[in-house]
Every structure is written in structure tokens, then in C-alpha cells.
Amino acid sequence: MTITADALSGADWFTSSYSDGHGGNCVQGARLADGVMALRDSKNPHGPAFVVDGGAWAAFVEALDGGQF
């Protein structure tokens, strides 16, 4: 699901440890209730945010860890 990041008031956004840290390509995430994960572009904090079901997020991270991408 895609919504605006502003609609997630109270979300505690963090910057990915894989982001470059120099104000460039930064992905931010926020853990929401029930394992749901929200993602946004740090350069556009009021723009769209992708909201991913907890199970789908866990499967995605597992696939990354397994080298599938």
C-alpha cells in the first residue's frame, strides 16, 4: 500500500544503515504495529511511503540475506 508519509503521524523514522550518510540516496524506515514496515525516501519526507505487511517484509529481508537479489 502507498500513502503519504505525513499520514503516519507518530512514526519513528530511521535511516537505513546501508544508506550513504552523505545526504544522497537514503532510505528511511519505520516499524509500525503488528510488524508492519513503512519505507520512504529521506529526500522527500512528506511524499509517498510504502507500507508493507510484516510477513512480506520478513520474507523480503530473508531473501536479501539469502542473496536472492
PDB file of N, CA and C in Angstrom:
ATOM      1  N   MET A   1       0.855  -1.167   0.000  1.00  0.00           N
ATOM      2  CA  MET A   1       0.000   0.000   0.000  1.00  0.00           C
ATOM      3  C   MET A   1       0.900   1.228   0.000  1.00  0.00           C
ATOM      4  N   THR A   2       0.517   2.260  -0.718  1.00  0.00           N
ATOM      5  CA  THR A   2       1.255   3.519  -0.739  1.00  0.00           C
ATOM      6  C   THR A   2       0.368   4.614  -0.170  1.00  0.00           C
ATOM      7  N   ILE A   3       0.923   5.373   0.777  1.00  0.00           N
ATOM      8  CA  ILE A   3       0.233   6.524   1.354  1.00  0.00           C
ATOM      9  C   ILE A   3       1.258   7.640   1.487  1.00  0.00           C
ATOM     10  N   THR A   4       0.845   8.801   1.933  1.00  0.00           N
ATOM     11  CA  THR A   4       1.835   9.846   2.183  1.00  0.00           C
ATOM     12  C   THR A   4       2.449   9.608   3.563  1.00  0.00           C
ATOM     13  N   ALA A   5       3.720   9.919   3.679  1.00  0.00           N
ATOM     14  CA  ALA A   5       4.420   9.744   4.952  1.00  0.00           C
ATOM     15  C   ALA A   5       3.779  10.595   6.044  1.00  0.00           C
ATOM     16  N   ASP A   6       3.206  11.737   5.679  1.00  0.00           N
ATOM     17  CA  ASP A   6       2.551  12.598   6.666  1.00  0.00           C
ATOM     18  C   ASP A   6       1.371  11.899   7.340  1.00  0.00           C
ATOM     19  N   ALA A   7       0.772  10.932   6.661  1.00  0.00           N
ATOM     20  CA  ALA A   7      -0.368  10.215   7.230  1.00  0.00           C
ATOM     21  C   ALA A   7       0.071   9.275   8.347  1.00  0.00           C
ATOM     22  N   LEU A   8       1.370   9.052   8.485  1.00  0.00           N
ATOM     23  CA  LEU A   8       1.890   8.164   9.516  1.00  0.00           C
ATOM     24  C   LEU A   8       2.408   8.975  10.701  1.00  0.00           C
ATOM     25  N   SER A   9       1.560   9.843  11.220  1.00  0.00           N
ATOM     26  CA  SER A   9       1.979  10.682  12.334  1.00  0.00           C
ATOM     27  C   SER A   9       2.413   9.810  13.507  1.00  0.00           C
ATOM     28  N   GLY A  10       3.473  10.204  14.131  1.00  0.00           N
ATOM     29  CA  GLY A  10       3.996   9.459  15.267  1.00  0.00           C
ATOM     30  C   GLY A  10       4.945   8.341  14.891  1.00  0.00           C
ATOM     31  N   ALA A  11       5.152   8.108  13.582  1.00  0.00           N
ATOM     32  CA  ALA A  11       6.092   7.066  13.165  1.00  0.00           C
ATOM     33  C   ALA A  11       7.507   7.496  13.535  1.00  0.00           C
ATOM     34  N   ASP A  12       8.287   6.569  14.034  1.00  0.00           N
ATOM     35  CA  ASP A  12       9.668   6.832  14.425  1.00  0.00           C
ATOM     36  C   ASP A  12      10.576   6.402  13.277  1.00  0.00           C
ATOM     37  N   TRP A  13      10.870   7.333  12.371  1.00  0.00           N
ATOM     38  CA  TRP A  13      11.643   7.043  11.165  1.00  0.00           C
ATOM     39  C   TRP A  13      13.121   6.908  11.493  1.00  0.00           C
ATOM     40  N   PHE A  14      13.788   5.956  10.865  1.00  0.00           N
ATOM     41  CA  PHE A  14      15.235   5.788  10.999  1.00  0.00           C
ATOM     42  C   PHE A  14      15.834   5.634   9.611  1.00  0.00           C
ATOM     43  N   THR A  15      17.091   6.005   9.469  1.00  0.00           N
ATOM     44  CA  THR A  15      17.777   5.895   8.184  1.00  0.00           C
ATOM     45  C   THR A  15      18.467   4.547   8.100  1.00  0.00           C
ATOM     46  N   SER A  16      18.338   3.915   6.976  1.00  0.00           N
ATOM     47  CA  SER A  16      18.949   2.616   6.748  1.00  0.00           C
ATOM     48  C   SER A  16      20.458   2.680   6.947  1.00  0.00           C
ATOM     49  N   SER A  17      21.022   1.659   7.568  1.00  0.00           N
ATOM     50  CA  SER A  17      22.469   1.596   7.754  1.00  0.00           C
ATOM     51  C   SER A  17      23.188   1.410   6.423  1.00  0.00           C
ATOM     52  N   TYR A  18      22.484   1.049   5.369  1.00  0.00           N
ATOM     53  CA  TYR A  18      23.074   0.883   4.047  1.00  0.00           C
ATOM     54  C   TYR A  18      23.042   2.171   3.232  1.00  0.00           C
ATOM     55  N   SER A  19      22.415   3.221   3.751  1.00  0.00           N
ATOM     56  CA  SER A  19      22.389   4.496   3.037  1.00  0.00           C
ATOM     57  C   SER A  19      23.765   5.137   3.117  1.00  0.00           C
ATOM     58  N   ASP A  20      24.047   6.046   2.179  1.00  0.00           N
ATOM     59  CA  ASP A  20      25.410   6.565   2.089  1.00  0.00           C
ATOM     60  C   ASP A  20      25.782   7.552   3.196  1.00  0.00           C
ATOM     61  N   GLY A  21      24.815   8.119   3.916  1.00  0.00           N
ATOM     62  CA  GLY A  21      25.120   9.012   5.026  1.00  0.00           C
ATOM     63  C   GLY A  21      25.634  10.380   4.634  1.00  0.00           C
ATOM     64  N   HIS A  22      25.624  10.698   3.340  1.00  0.00           N
ATOM     65  CA  HIS A  22      26.117  11.989   2.877  1.00  0.00           C
ATOM     66  C   HIS A  22      25.006  12.821   2.256  1.00  0.00           C
ATOM     67  N   GLY A  23      23.771  12.563   2.640  1.00  0.00           N
ATOM     68  CA  GLY A  23      22.649  13.318   2.115  1.00  0.00           C
ATOM     69  C   GLY A  23      22.207  12.887   0.735  1.00  0.00           C
ATOM     70  N   GLY A  24      22.711  11.763   0.279  1.00  0.00           N
ATOM     71  CA  GLY A  24      22.379  11.268  -1.056  1.00  0.00           C
ATOM     72  C   GLY A  24      21.208  10.330  -1.038  1.00  0.00           C
ATOM     73  N   ASN A  25      21.438   9.121  -1.478  1.00  0.00           N
ATOM     74  CA  ASN A  25      20.385   8.115  -1.599  1.00  0.00           C
ATOM     75  C   ASN A  25      20.116   7.462  -0.254  1.00  0.00           C
ATOM     76  N   CYS A  26      19.121   7.948   0.448  1.00  0.00           N
ATOM     77  CA  CYS A  26      18.817   7.428   1.778  1.00  0.00           C
ATOM     78  C   CYS A  26      17.401   6.876   1.837  1.00  0.00           C
ATOM     79  N   VAL A  27      17.299   5.669   2.319  1.00  0.00           N
ATOM     80  CA  VAL A  27      16.005   5.048   2.563  1.00  0.00           C
ATOM     81  C   VAL A  27      15.751   5.122   4.056  1.00  0.00           C
ATOM     82  N   GLN A  28      14.552   5.528   4.417  1.00  0.00           N
ATOM     83  CA  GLN A  28      14.170   5.546   5.821  1.00  0.00           C
ATOM     84  C   GLN A  28      13.055   4.548   6.048  1.00  0.00           C
ATOM     85  N   GLY A  29      13.056   3.963   7.219  1.00  0.00           N
ATOM     86  CA  GLY A  29      12.033   3.005   7.589  1.00  0.00           C
ATOM     87  C   GLY A  29      11.418   3.371   8.923  1.00  0.00           C
ATOM     88  N   ALA A  30      10.243   2.830   9.169  1.00  0.00           N
ATOM     89  CA  ALA A  30       9.569   2.989  10.455  1.00  0.00           C
ATOM     90  C   ALA A  30       8.833   1.691  10.752  1.00  0.00           C
ATOM     91  N   ARG A  31       9.095   1.140  11.917  1.00  0.00           N
ATOM     92  CA  ARG A  31       8.377  -0.065  12.342  1.00  0.00           C
ATOM     93  C   ARG A  31       7.048   0.364  12.956  1.00  0.00           C
ATOM     94  N   LEU A  32       5.981  -0.185  12.421  1.00  0.00           N
ATOM     95  CA  LEU A  32       4.638   0.148  12.895  1.00  0.00           C
ATOM     96  C   LEU A  32       4.080  -1.044  13.658  1.00  0.00           C
ATOM     97  N   ALA A  33       2.857  -0.953  14.099  1.00  0.00           N
ATOM     98  CA  ALA A  33       2.215  -2.020  14.871  1.00  0.00           C
ATOM     99  C   ALA A  33       2.151  -3.321  14.072  1.00  0.00           C
ATOM    100  N   ASP A  34       2.167  -4.431  14.772  1.00  0.00           N
ATOM    101  CA  ASP A  34       1.993  -5.769  14.192  1.00  0.00           C
ATOM    102  C   ASP A  34       3.054  -6.132  13.160  1.00  0.00           C
ATOM    103  N   GLY A  35       4.273  -5.582  13.293  1.00  0.00           N
ATOM    104  CA  GLY A  35       5.355  -5.929  12.387  1.00  0.00           C
ATOM    105  C   GLY A  35       5.316  -5.247  11.041  1.00  0.00           C
ATOM    106  N   VAL A  36       4.359  -4.371  10.836  1.00  0.00           N
ATOM    107  CA  VAL A  36       4.234  -3.648   9.571  1.00  0.00           C
ATOM    108  C   VAL A  36       5.432  -2.696   9.435  1.00  0.00           C
ATOM    109  N   MET A  37       5.935  -2.541   8.209  1.00  0.00           N
ATOM    110  CA  MET A  37       7.078  -1.690   7.948  1.00  0.00           C
ATOM    111  C   MET A  37       6.692  -0.619   6.948  1.00  0.00           C
ATOM    112  N   ALA A  38       7.085   0.621   7.226  1.00  0.00           N
ATOM    113  CA  ALA A  38       6.872   1.729   6.298  1.00  0.00           C
ATOM    114  C   ALA A  38       8.231   2.177   5.783  1.00  0.00           C
ATOM    115  N   LEU A  39       8.297   2.555   4.517  1.00  0.00           N
ATOM    116  CA  LEU A  39       9.545   2.984   3.877  1.00  0.00           C
ATOM    117  C   LEU A  39       9.299   4.273   3.116  1.00  0.00           C
ATOM    118  N   ARG A  40      10.306   5.163   3.149  1.00  0.00           N
ATOM    119  CA  ARG A  40      10.196   6.422   2.404  1.00  0.00           C
ATOM    120  C   ARG A  40      11.583   6.882   1.973  1.00  0.00           C
ATOM    121  N   ASP A  41      11.609   7.843   1.070  1.00  0.00           N
ATOM    122  CA  ASP A  41      12.838   8.473   0.592  1.00  0.00           C
ATOM    123  C   ASP A  41      13.135   9.651   1.514  1.00  0.00           C
ATOM    124  N   SER A  42      14.326   9.686   2.093  1.00  0.00           N
ATOM    125  CA  SER A  42      14.655  10.759   3.047  1.00  0.00           C
ATOM    126  C   SER A  42      14.660  12.137   2.384  1.00  0.00           C
ATOM    127  N   LYS A  43      14.877  12.195   1.073  1.00  0.00           N
ATOM    128  CA  LYS A  43      14.880  13.481   0.381  1.00  0.00           C
ATOM    129  C   LYS A  43      13.469  14.012   0.156  1.00  0.00           C
ATOM    130  N   ASN A  44      12.471  13.176   0.389  1.00  0.00           N
ATOM    131  CA  ASN A  44      11.073  13.568   0.188  1.00  0.00           C
ATOM    132  C   ASN A  44      10.238  13.053   1.370  1.00  0.00           C
ATOM    133  N   PRO A  45      10.504  13.558   2.581  1.00  0.00           N
ATOM    134  CA  PRO A  45       9.863  13.001   3.774  1.00  0.00           C
ATOM    135  C   PRO A  45       8.347  13.194   3.843  1.00  0.00           C
ATOM    136  N   HIS A  46       7.810  14.111   3.049  1.00  0.00           N
ATOM    137  CA  HIS A  46       6.361  14.323   3.051  1.00  0.00           C
ATOM    138  C   HIS A  46       5.696  13.660   1.851  1.00  0.00           C
ATOM    139  N   GLY A  47       6.492  12.958   1.060  1.00  0.00           N
ATOM    140  CA  GLY A  47       5.990  12.289  -0.137  1.00  0.00           C
ATOM    141  C   GLY A  47       5.444  10.916   0.175  1.00  0.00           C
ATOM    142  N   PRO A  48       5.457  10.042  -0.819  1.00  0.00           N
ATOM    143  CA  PRO A  48       4.863   8.716  -0.633  1.00  0.00           C
ATOM    144  C   PRO A  48       5.677   7.848   0.323  1.00  0.00           C
ATOM    145  N   ALA A  49       4.969   6.993   1.013  1.00  0.00           N
ATOM    146  CA  ALA A  49       5.579   5.967   1.859  1.00  0.00           C
ATOM    147  C   ALA A  49       4.947   4.643   1.466  1.00  0.00           C
ATOM    148  N   PHE A  50       5.771   3.619   1.401  1.00  0.00           N
ATOM    149  CA  PHE A  50       5.286   2.280   1.102  1.00  0.00           C
ATOM    150  C   PHE A  50       5.091   1.562   2.426  1.00  0.00           C
ATOM    151  N   VAL A  51       3.934   0.969   2.591  1.00  0.00           N
ATOM    152  CA  VAL A  51       3.615   0.241   3.819  1.00  0.00           C
ATOM    153  C   VAL A  51       3.513  -1.240   3.465  1.00  0.00           C
ATOM    154  N   VAL A  52       4.321  -2.051   4.151  1.00  0.00           N
ATOM    155  CA  VAL A  52       4.453  -3.464   3.816  1.00  0.00           C
ATOM    156  C   VAL A  52       4.050  -4.316   5.012  1.00  0.00           C
ATOM    157  N   ASP A  53       3.230  -5.308   4.773  1.00  0.00           N
ATOM    158  CA  ASP A  53       2.812  -6.267   5.796  1.00  0.00           C
ATOM    159  C   ASP A  53       4.044  -6.904   6.441  1.00  0.00           C
ATOM    160  N   GLY A  54       3.957  -7.192   7.727  1.00  0.00           N
ATOM    161  CA  GLY A  54       5.082  -7.750   8.459  1.00  0.00           C
ATOM    162  C   GLY A  54       5.619  -9.049   7.880  1.00  0.00           C
ATOM    163  N   GLY A  55       4.750  -9.946   7.464  1.00  0.00           N
ATOM    164  CA  GLY A  55       5.186 -11.207   6.870  1.00  0.00           C
ATOM    165  C   GLY A  55       5.906 -11.009   5.553  1.00  0.00           C
ATOM    166  N   ALA A  56       5.394 -10.109   4.744  1.00  0.00           N
ATOM    167  CA  ALA A  56       6.028  -9.811   3.454  1.00  0.00           C
ATOM    168  C   ALA A  56       7.385  -9.154   3.678  1.00  0.00           C
ATOM    169  N   TRP A  57       7.474  -8.277   4.656  1.00  0.00           N
ATOM    170  CA  TRP A  57       8.747  -7.618   4.949  1.00  0.00           C
ATOM    171  C   TRP A  57       9.780  -8.649   5.421  1.00  0.00           C
ATOM    172  N   ALA A  58       9.379  -9.552   6.299  1.00  0.00           N
ATOM    173  CA  ALA A  58      10.285 -10.591   6.798  1.00  0.00           C
ATOM    174  C   ALA A  58      10.778 -11.475   5.657  1.00  0.00           C
ATOM    175  N   ALA A  59       9.895 -11.831   4.729  1.00  0.00           N
ATOM    176  CA  ALA A  59      10.282 -12.658   3.590  1.00  0.00           C
ATOM    177  C   ALA A  59      11.253 -11.900   2.682  1.00  0.00           C
ATOM    178  N   PHE A  60      11.038 -10.604   2.490  1.00  0.00           N
ATOM    179  CA  PHE A  60      11.923  -9.793   1.672  1.00  0.00           C
ATOM    180  C   PHE A  60      13.320  -9.721   2.285  1.00  0.00           C
ATOM    181  N   VAL A  61      13.385  -9.461   3.580  1.00  0.00           N
ATOM    182  CA  VAL A  61      14.688  -9.374   4.268  1.00  0.00           C
ATOM    183  C   VAL A  61      15.388 -10.741   4.216  1.00  0.00           C
ATOM    184  N   GLU A  62      14.662 -11.803   4.405  1.00  0.00           N
ATOM    185  CA  GLU A  62      15.234 -13.156   4.333  1.00  0.00           C
ATOM    186  C   GLU A  62      15.811 -13.424   2.932  1.00  0.00           C
ATOM    187  N   ALA A  63      15.084 -12.998   1.902  1.00  0.00           N
ATOM    188  CA  ALA A  63      15.574 -13.169   0.537  1.00  0.00           C
ATOM    189  C   ALA A  63      16.838 -12.352   0.295  1.00  0.00           C
ATOM    190  N   LEU A  64      16.887 -11.144   0.831  1.00  0.00           N
ATOM    191  CA  LEU A  64      18.102 -10.327   0.709  1.00  0.00           C
ATOM    192  C   LEU A  64      19.275 -11.011   1.386  1.00  0.00           C
ATOM    193  N   ASP A  65      19.040 -11.477   2.613  1.00  0.00           N
ATOM    194  CA  ASP A  65      20.098 -12.159   3.365  1.00  0.00           C
ATOM    195  C   ASP A  65      20.567 -13.416   2.640  1.00  0.00           C
ATOM    196  N   GLY A  66      19.661 -14.068   1.917  1.00  0.00           N
ATOM    197  CA  GLY A  66      19.991 -15.289   1.196  1.00  0.00           C
ATOM    198  C   GLY A  66      20.616 -15.046  -0.169  1.00  0.00           C
ATOM    199  N   GLY A  67      20.802 -13.764  -0.543  1.00  0.00           N
ATOM    200  CA  GLY A  67      21.435 -13.442  -1.824  1.00  0.00           C
ATOM    201  C   GLY A  67      20.557 -13.615  -3.034  1.00  0.00           C
ATOM    202  N   GLN A  68      19.243 -13.591  -2.843  1.00  0.00           N
ATOM    203  CA  GLN A  68      18.338 -13.798  -3.970  1.00  0.00           C
ATOM    204  C   GLN A  68      18.195 -12.580  -4.864  1.00  0.00           C
ATOM    205  N   PHE A  69      18.681 -11.428  -4.422  1.00  0.00           N
ATOM    206  CA  PHE A  69      18.576 -10.201  -5.244  1.00  0.00           C
ATOM    207  C   PHE A  69      19.952  -9.690  -5.556  1.00  0.00           C
TER     208      PHE A  69
END
